[in-house]
Amino acid sequence: MAECRSVGGALDRGQSAGAGEGGGGWARTGDTKRGKVDGLGLRDISTTVRKFPIVLVSDPVKTLQPKLDFLASVGINAPLLPRLVSLSPVVLHRSIQDHLAPLFGSLRELLGSNARVVTALRQMPFVVRCSPNSTVNLVLPALRDVHGLPPEDVSKLVAVHPGVIMQGPHRLAEIVQAVKDVGIEPGESMFVHTFAIISKMKTPTLERKYALYQSLGFEKDNVALMLRRCPLMMAISEKKMKENVGFLVGKAGLSLEDIVAYPSMLVRSLESHRRRCAVLALLRKEGKPEGNHQLRKVLVAKTKRFLQVYVQPHQNEIPDVVRALNGEIPFEGFSVLE
C-alpha cells in the first residue's frame, strides 16, 4: 500500500533542501538599470518584471536584495529561489519583520526544520503569500481544536500538503467532512493522506469521480472502501479509471471484488498491467507454476519482486519473458490459453 500513501515522501526522509540543490553555477548576478540582484538570473528578472512591474521602481539594494538574502538564510537556494520569486514576486515587497520571518518561524516550528519547510515549498511555492496571522491563528488551530486532528497530524498534513494553510475555514470543514464520510476519522492513520488527496479536488470533481466508479459497476460503499485503502485511486484521471477497470475486468478477467481488495491496481499504469499479464500468460502457457499465481497480487507486486519471481528465473529457458516484459509480445487474454 506504500504507493497509495506516497504524498510528499521526501519530507519523511528529512532530506536536506537547499544545501544540495542547484549549485553556484546557476545563482549568478543579474544586472538591472538600478543595480544588481544576487540570486536571480536575467531571465528570472524578466519574468518577475512582467508579473510584478513595480520592481522596476524598487531599490534593488534596500528593498529587493534583503528579501533574497532572507530566503537564502533559511535554505532557499537555486533552483527553488528563482522559481518561488517568479511564481510569487510579491514576496519581494513583503516585510521581513512582519511577514516573512513570522511565516517561516511558524512553519519551522510546525515542521521541525528549515529543510522541511523548503521541501514543503517545493510542492507549493504559493505558500509564501500566506498571511502568518491566518496561518497561525486560524487554519492550524481550526484543524487541531475544531476538527480534532492531533498536533502531530497537523504537522504531517502541512508537510505533505502545505497548501492546506491557504484554505478558508469553510473549505477546511468541507474537506474534513468528506474524509469522515469515507469512514476515516481524525487521528486514524489514513486521515492525512486522504485529506491531502481530497483537498486537491473541488466538490463537483469528487462527486463526478464517485459517480464514474459507480457507473463502472462499483457500489458506493465499495468506492469509499477503496478510497480508505488507497486514497490515490481518486486522484487518477477519469480516462485512466475507465481504461484500467475496462482492462482488468474485460481483458484480464478480474472481478470488481478483486479491484476493491487491491485498489492500488487502479493507480498502476495500463501498460504495466499489459506487460505483466503477458509475462504471466507466457509462464502459464509453458506450464510454469508461477503462471497460476493470483493475478491481483501479481499486478500490485513491487517491480523488484516481480522480476525476481516471474522473469529472472525463466529468462534463459524462456527468453520470450523478457520480450513480454518489454511490451514486444501483446497480451491477448488468458482465455486463449484454455
Protein backbone atom coordinates (compact mmCIF):
# COMPACT_ATOMS: atom_id res chain seq x y z
CA MET A 1 0.00 0.00 0.00
CA ALA A 2 3.07 2.29 0.05
CA GLU A 3 2.28 3.70 -3.38
CA CYS A 4 -1.19 4.67 -2.15
CA ARG A 5 0.31 6.85 0.57
CA SER A 6 3.27 8.38 -1.24
CA VAL A 7 2.26 12.01 -0.84
CA GLY A 8 5.25 14.21 -0.03
CA GLY A 9 7.51 11.24 0.68
CA ALA A 10 10.61 13.41 0.53
CA LEU A 11 9.61 15.00 3.82
CA ASP A 12 9.51 11.65 5.57
CA ARG A 13 13.12 11.14 4.57
CA GLY A 14 14.02 14.53 6.02
CA GLN A 15 16.18 15.36 3.02
CA SER A 16 18.26 18.49 3.23
CA ALA A 17 16.67 21.02 0.95
CA GLY A 18 18.55 23.91 -0.46
CA ALA A 19 22.00 22.63 0.50
CA GLY A 20 22.47 20.30 -2.42
CA GLU A 21 20.02 21.75 -4.87
CA GLY A 22 21.21 23.52 -7.98
CA GLY A 23 24.64 24.91 -7.23
CA GLY A 24 26.63 28.07 -7.54
CA GLY A 25 26.69 27.92 -11.33
CA TRP A 26 23.06 28.99 -11.66
CA ALA A 27 22.95 31.61 -8.89
CA ARG A 28 24.57 34.49 -10.66
CA THR A 29 24.13 38.23 -10.56
CA GLY A 30 21.55 39.84 -12.80
CA ASP A 31 22.21 43.40 -13.91
CA THR A 32 19.30 45.81 -13.84
CA LYS A 33 19.13 49.52 -14.58
CA ARG A 34 19.01 50.23 -10.87
CA GLY A 35 21.79 47.88 -9.81
CA LYS A 36 22.33 44.19 -9.18
CA VAL A 37 20.19 41.49 -7.59
CA ASP A 38 22.14 38.47 -6.39
CA GLY A 39 20.41 35.11 -6.79
CA LEU A 40 18.33 35.90 -9.87
CA GLY A 41 19.39 35.46 -13.48
CA LEU A 42 18.38 37.81 -16.26
CA ARG A 43 15.57 35.52 -17.41
CA ASP A 44 14.18 35.33 -13.87
CA ILE A 45 14.30 39.10 -13.52
CA SER A 46 12.47 39.46 -16.84
CA THR A 47 9.72 37.05 -15.73
CA THR A 48 9.37 38.79 -12.39
CA VAL A 49 9.12 42.22 -14.01
CA ARG A 50 6.33 41.05 -16.34
CA LYS A 51 4.30 39.74 -13.42
CA PHE A 52 5.18 42.43 -10.89
CA PRO A 53 6.33 45.57 -12.74
CA ILE A 54 6.59 47.59 -9.54
CA VAL A 55 10.00 46.00 -9.01
CA LEU A 56 11.28 48.33 -11.74
CA VAL A 57 10.96 51.24 -9.35
CA SER A 58 12.12 49.28 -6.31
CA ASP A 59 15.54 49.84 -4.83
CA PRO A 60 17.46 46.60 -5.50
CA VAL A 61 19.78 47.16 -2.54
CA LYS A 62 17.33 48.35 0.10
CA THR A 63 14.13 46.57 -0.99
CA LEU A 64 14.85 43.53 -3.15
CA GLN A 65 18.18 42.11 -2.04
CA PRO A 66 17.28 41.86 1.68
CA LYS A 67 14.32 39.61 0.80
CA LEU A 68 16.53 37.35 -1.31
CA ASP A 69 19.13 37.27 1.45
CA PHE A 70 16.48 36.27 3.98
CA LEU A 71 15.17 33.48 1.75
CA ALA A 72 18.73 32.22 1.25
CA SER A 73 19.31 32.33 5.01
CA VAL A 74 16.51 29.81 5.58
CA GLY A 75 17.86 27.45 2.92
CA ILE A 76 16.04 28.58 -0.22
CA ASN A 77 18.64 28.49 -2.97
CA ALA A 78 18.63 27.80 -6.71
CA PRO A 79 16.69 26.41 -8.46
CA LEU A 80 13.87 26.89 -5.92
CA LEU A 81 14.66 30.55 -5.24
CA PRO A 82 14.04 31.87 -8.78
CA ARG A 83 11.01 29.61 -9.17
CA LEU A 84 9.50 30.88 -5.94
CA VAL A 85 10.15 34.53 -6.83
CA SER A 86 8.84 34.21 -10.39
CA LEU A 87 5.65 32.48 -9.19
CA SER A 88 5.10 34.83 -6.25
CA PRO A 89 7.04 38.03 -7.00
CA VAL A 90 5.01 39.88 -4.37
CA VAL A 91 7.32 38.22 -1.84
CA LEU A 92 9.92 40.84 -2.83
CA HIS A 93 7.69 43.52 -1.30
CA ARG A 94 6.74 41.62 1.84
CA SER A 95 8.12 42.88 5.12
CA ILE A 96 10.75 40.59 6.58
CA GLN A 97 9.81 41.54 10.12
CA ASP A 98 6.03 41.45 9.73
CA HIS A 99 5.57 38.72 7.11
CA LEU A 100 8.49 36.54 6.07
CA ALA A 101 10.13 35.96 9.45
CA PRO A 102 6.86 35.15 11.29
CA LEU A 103 5.64 32.92 8.45
CA PHE A 104 8.85 30.92 8.23
CA GLY A 105 9.08 30.83 12.01
CA SER A 106 5.64 29.27 12.36
CA LEU A 107 6.30 26.80 9.54
CA ARG A 108 9.67 25.84 11.03
CA GLU A 109 8.09 25.32 14.45
CA LEU A 110 5.40 23.18 12.86
CA LEU A 111 7.62 21.11 10.56
CA GLY A 112 10.75 20.90 12.68
CA SER A 113 13.49 22.37 10.47
CA ASN A 114 14.28 24.80 7.67
CA ALA A 115 15.00 21.84 5.39
CA ARG A 116 11.46 20.53 5.81
CA VAL A 117 10.00 23.99 5.23
CA VAL A 118 11.95 24.27 1.98
CA THR A 119 10.84 20.79 0.90
CA ALA A 120 7.22 21.81 1.53
CA LEU A 121 7.72 24.97 -0.53
CA ARG A 122 8.95 22.91 -3.45
CA GLN A 123 5.50 21.35 -3.59
CA MET A 124 3.56 24.57 -3.02
CA PRO A 125 5.58 27.77 -3.61
CA PHE A 126 2.44 29.89 -3.28
CA VAL A 127 2.51 29.32 0.48
CA VAL A 128 4.88 32.29 0.80
CA ARG A 129 1.90 34.52 0.01
CA CYS A 130 0.04 33.40 3.12
CA SER A 131 -0.52 35.77 5.98
CA PRO A 132 1.35 34.45 9.03
CA ASN A 133 -1.55 35.56 11.21
CA SER A 134 -4.10 33.49 9.28
CA THR A 135 -1.73 30.53 9.24
CA VAL A 136 -1.12 30.53 12.98
CA ASN A 137 -4.36 31.93 14.31
CA LEU A 138 -6.99 30.45 12.00
CA VAL A 139 -6.11 27.40 9.93
CA LEU A 140 -3.86 25.39 12.22
CA PRO A 141 -5.92 25.87 15.41
CA ALA A 142 -9.07 25.03 13.43
CA LEU A 143 -7.57 21.72 12.33
CA ARG A 144 -6.47 20.94 15.86
CA ASP A 145 -9.22 22.34 18.07
CA VAL A 146 -12.30 22.37 15.84
CA HIS A 147 -11.74 19.26 13.74
CA GLY A 148 -9.81 17.18 16.28
CA LEU A 149 -6.54 16.47 14.47
CA PRO A 150 -3.72 15.55 16.86
CA PRO A 151 -0.86 18.11 16.75
CA GLU A 152 1.47 15.60 15.11
CA ASP A 153 -1.09 15.02 12.34
CA VAL A 154 -1.44 18.77 11.78
CA SER A 155 2.34 18.93 11.28
CA LYS A 156 2.27 15.95 8.96
CA LEU A 157 -0.61 17.39 6.95
CA VAL A 158 1.19 20.68 6.39
CA ALA A 159 4.30 18.72 5.39
CA VAL A 160 2.59 16.56 2.76
CA HIS A 161 0.14 19.25 1.63
CA PRO A 162 1.41 22.74 2.54
CA GLY A 163 -1.43 24.30 0.55
CA VAL A 164 -3.75 23.43 3.44
CA ILE A 165 -2.74 26.65 5.17
CA MET A 166 -4.24 28.57 2.25
CA GLN A 167 -7.71 27.08 2.79
CA GLY A 168 -10.52 29.02 4.37
CA PRO A 169 -12.46 27.71 7.40
CA HIS A 170 -15.48 26.67 5.30
CA ARG A 171 -13.32 24.73 2.84
CA LEU A 172 -11.45 23.03 5.70
CA ALA A 173 -14.73 21.89 7.23
CA GLU A 174 -15.90 20.65 3.83
CA ILE A 175 -12.76 18.54 3.29
CA VAL A 176 -12.77 17.12 6.81
CA GLN A 177 -16.41 16.09 6.39
CA ALA A 178 -15.66 14.46 3.03
CA VAL A 179 -12.92 12.37 4.65
CA LYS A 180 -15.24 11.43 7.51
CA ASP A 181 -17.92 10.42 5.01
CA VAL A 182 -15.46 7.88 3.63
CA GLY A 183 -15.24 6.38 7.12
CA ILE A 184 -11.92 7.85 8.28
CA GLU A 185 -11.85 9.86 11.49
CA PRO A 186 -9.20 12.42 12.54
CA GLY A 187 -6.33 10.62 14.21
CA GLU A 188 -6.60 7.48 12.07
CA SER A 189 -3.52 6.54 10.07
CA MET A 190 -5.02 7.27 6.64
CA PHE A 191 -6.69 10.57 7.53
CA VAL A 192 -3.80 12.82 6.50
CA HIS A 193 -3.22 11.04 3.19
CA THR A 194 -6.92 11.03 2.30
CA PHE A 195 -7.30 14.68 3.32
CA ALA A 196 -4.36 15.63 1.09
CA ILE A 197 -5.90 13.89 -1.93
CA ILE A 198 -9.45 15.17 -1.46
CA SER A 199 -8.32 18.73 -0.75
CA LYS A 200 -6.87 18.96 -4.27
CA MET A 201 -10.28 18.35 -5.83
CA LYS A 202 -13.31 20.58 -5.93
CA THR A 203 -16.50 19.04 -4.59
CA PRO A 204 -18.11 18.62 -8.06
CA THR A 205 -14.98 16.80 -9.27
CA LEU A 206 -15.05 14.42 -6.31
CA GLU A 207 -18.75 13.75 -6.84
CA ARG A 208 -18.20 13.13 -10.55
CA LYS A 209 -15.46 10.59 -9.85
CA TYR A 210 -17.66 8.80 -7.31
CA ALA A 211 -20.40 8.64 -9.93
CA LEU A 212 -17.99 7.33 -12.55
CA TYR A 213 -16.81 4.48 -10.33
CA GLN A 214 -20.44 3.59 -9.68
CA SER A 215 -21.19 3.66 -13.41
CA LEU A 216 -18.35 1.16 -13.85
CA GLY A 217 -20.15 -1.24 -11.53
CA PHE A 218 -18.81 -0.44 -8.05
CA GLU A 219 -21.21 0.01 -5.15
CA LYS A 220 -20.90 3.38 -3.40
CA ASP A 221 -19.77 1.72 -0.17
CA ASN A 222 -17.05 -0.12 -2.08
CA VAL A 223 -15.82 3.13 -3.62
CA ALA A 224 -15.46 4.50 -0.10
CA LEU A 225 -13.68 1.31 0.97
CA MET A 226 -11.22 1.60 -1.91
CA LEU A 227 -10.61 5.23 -1.02
CA ARG A 228 -9.84 4.26 2.58
CA ARG A 229 -7.35 1.68 1.39
CA CYS A 230 -5.75 3.71 -1.40
CA PRO A 231 -6.55 7.45 -1.50
CA LEU A 232 -4.64 7.87 -4.76
CA MET A 233 -7.31 5.88 -6.60
CA MET A 234 -9.41 9.05 -6.50
CA ALA A 235 -6.57 11.22 -7.81
CA ILE A 236 -6.17 9.46 -11.16
CA SER A 237 -7.82 10.83 -14.28
CA GLU A 238 -11.28 9.69 -15.32
CA LYS A 239 -9.76 8.34 -18.53
CA LYS A 240 -7.36 6.17 -16.55
CA MET A 241 -10.21 4.94 -14.34
CA LYS A 242 -12.15 3.73 -17.38
CA GLU A 243 -9.14 2.19 -19.11
CA ASN A 244 -7.83 0.33 -16.08
CA VAL A 245 -11.20 -1.03 -14.98
CA GLY A 246 -12.01 -1.99 -18.57
CA PHE A 247 -8.75 -3.88 -18.96
CA LEU A 248 -8.69 -5.53 -15.54
CA VAL A 249 -12.25 -6.82 -15.81
CA GLY A 250 -12.74 -7.18 -19.55
CA LYS A 251 -9.33 -8.45 -20.67
CA ALA A 252 -7.54 -9.79 -17.60
CA GLY A 253 -10.63 -11.49 -16.17
CA LEU A 254 -10.56 -10.00 -12.69
CA SER A 255 -13.72 -9.17 -10.78
CA LEU A 256 -14.77 -5.88 -9.27
CA GLU A 257 -14.27 -7.52 -5.88
CA ASP A 258 -10.62 -8.13 -6.79
CA ILE A 259 -10.18 -4.43 -7.50
CA VAL A 260 -11.91 -3.48 -4.24
CA ALA A 261 -9.48 -5.76 -2.40
CA TYR A 262 -6.44 -4.29 -4.20
CA PRO A 263 -7.39 -0.77 -5.33
CA SER A 264 -3.75 0.14 -5.95
CA MET A 265 -4.23 -1.70 -9.27
CA LEU A 266 -6.13 1.39 -10.38
CA VAL A 267 -3.11 3.59 -9.76
CA ARG A 268 -0.70 1.47 -11.79
CA SER A 269 -0.29 2.22 -15.47
CA LEU A 270 -2.28 0.29 -18.06
CA GLU A 271 0.94 -0.56 -19.88
CA SER A 272 2.39 -2.12 -16.73
CA HIS A 273 -0.71 -4.31 -16.39
CA ARG A 274 -0.50 -5.40 -20.01
CA ARG A 275 3.14 -6.38 -19.78
CA ARG A 276 2.77 -8.28 -16.52
CA CYS A 277 -0.24 -10.12 -17.86
CA ALA A 278 1.75 -11.02 -20.99
CA VAL A 279 4.54 -12.45 -18.82
CA LEU A 280 2.08 -14.42 -16.70
CA ALA A 281 0.25 -15.75 -19.76
CA LEU A 282 3.55 -16.95 -21.21
CA LEU A 283 4.51 -18.73 -18.00
CA ARG A 284 1.07 -20.32 -17.83
CA LYS A 285 1.39 -21.49 -21.45
CA GLU A 286 4.77 -23.07 -20.64
CA GLY A 287 3.30 -24.87 -17.63
CA LYS A 288 5.24 -22.94 -15.01
CA PRO A 289 3.58 -22.87 -11.58
CA GLU A 290 4.16 -19.11 -11.27
CA GLY A 291 1.76 -18.66 -14.16
CA ASN A 292 -1.08 -19.69 -11.87
CA HIS A 293 -0.34 -17.22 -9.09
CA GLN A 294 -3.18 -14.88 -8.15
CA LEU A 295 -3.24 -12.22 -10.82
CA ARG A 296 -4.37 -9.44 -8.50
CA LYS A 297 -1.31 -9.97 -6.30
CA VAL A 298 1.00 -10.19 -9.31
CA LEU A 299 -0.23 -6.84 -10.63
CA VAL A 300 0.48 -4.97 -7.39
CA ALA A 301 3.81 -6.65 -6.61
CA LYS A 302 6.82 -4.36 -6.40
CA THR A 303 8.96 -4.28 -9.52
CA LYS A 304 11.94 -5.93 -7.83
CA ARG A 305 9.85 -8.85 -6.58
CA PHE A 306 8.10 -9.25 -9.93
CA LEU A 307 11.43 -9.55 -11.71
CA GLN A 308 12.82 -11.95 -9.10
CA VAL A 309 9.82 -14.29 -9.22
CA TYR A 310 8.44 -14.11 -12.75
CA VAL A 311 11.24 -13.03 -15.08
CA GLN A 312 14.77 -13.75 -13.92
CA PRO A 313 14.30 -17.45 -13.03
CA HIS A 314 12.90 -18.16 -16.52
CA GLN A 315 14.70 -15.78 -18.89
CA ASN A 316 17.26 -18.38 -20.02
CA GLU A 317 14.77 -21.20 -20.58
CA ILE A 318 12.02 -18.93 -21.90
CA PRO A 319 13.66 -15.83 -23.45
CA ASP A 320 10.26 -14.53 -24.50
CA VAL A 321 9.53 -13.49 -20.91
CA VAL A 322 11.93 -10.61 -21.43
CA ARG A 323 10.23 -9.67 -24.69
CA ALA A 324 6.85 -9.82 -22.96
CA LEU A 325 8.16 -7.61 -20.17
CA ASN A 326 9.39 -5.11 -22.74
CA GLY A 327 5.99 -4.97 -24.42
CA GLU A 328 7.10 -6.83 -27.55
CA ILE A 329 4.56 -9.64 -27.04
CA PRO A 330 0.98 -8.36 -26.75
CA PHE A 331 -1.36 -9.76 -24.14
CA GLU A 332 -4.30 -11.44 -25.87
CA GLY A 333 -6.10 -12.62 -22.74
CA PHE A 334 -5.86 -15.72 -20.60
CA SER A 335 -8.89 -17.33 -22.25
CA VAL A 336 -6.89 -18.05 -25.42
CA LEU A 337 -4.78 -20.48 -23.39
CA GLU A 338 -7.75 -22.62 -22.39
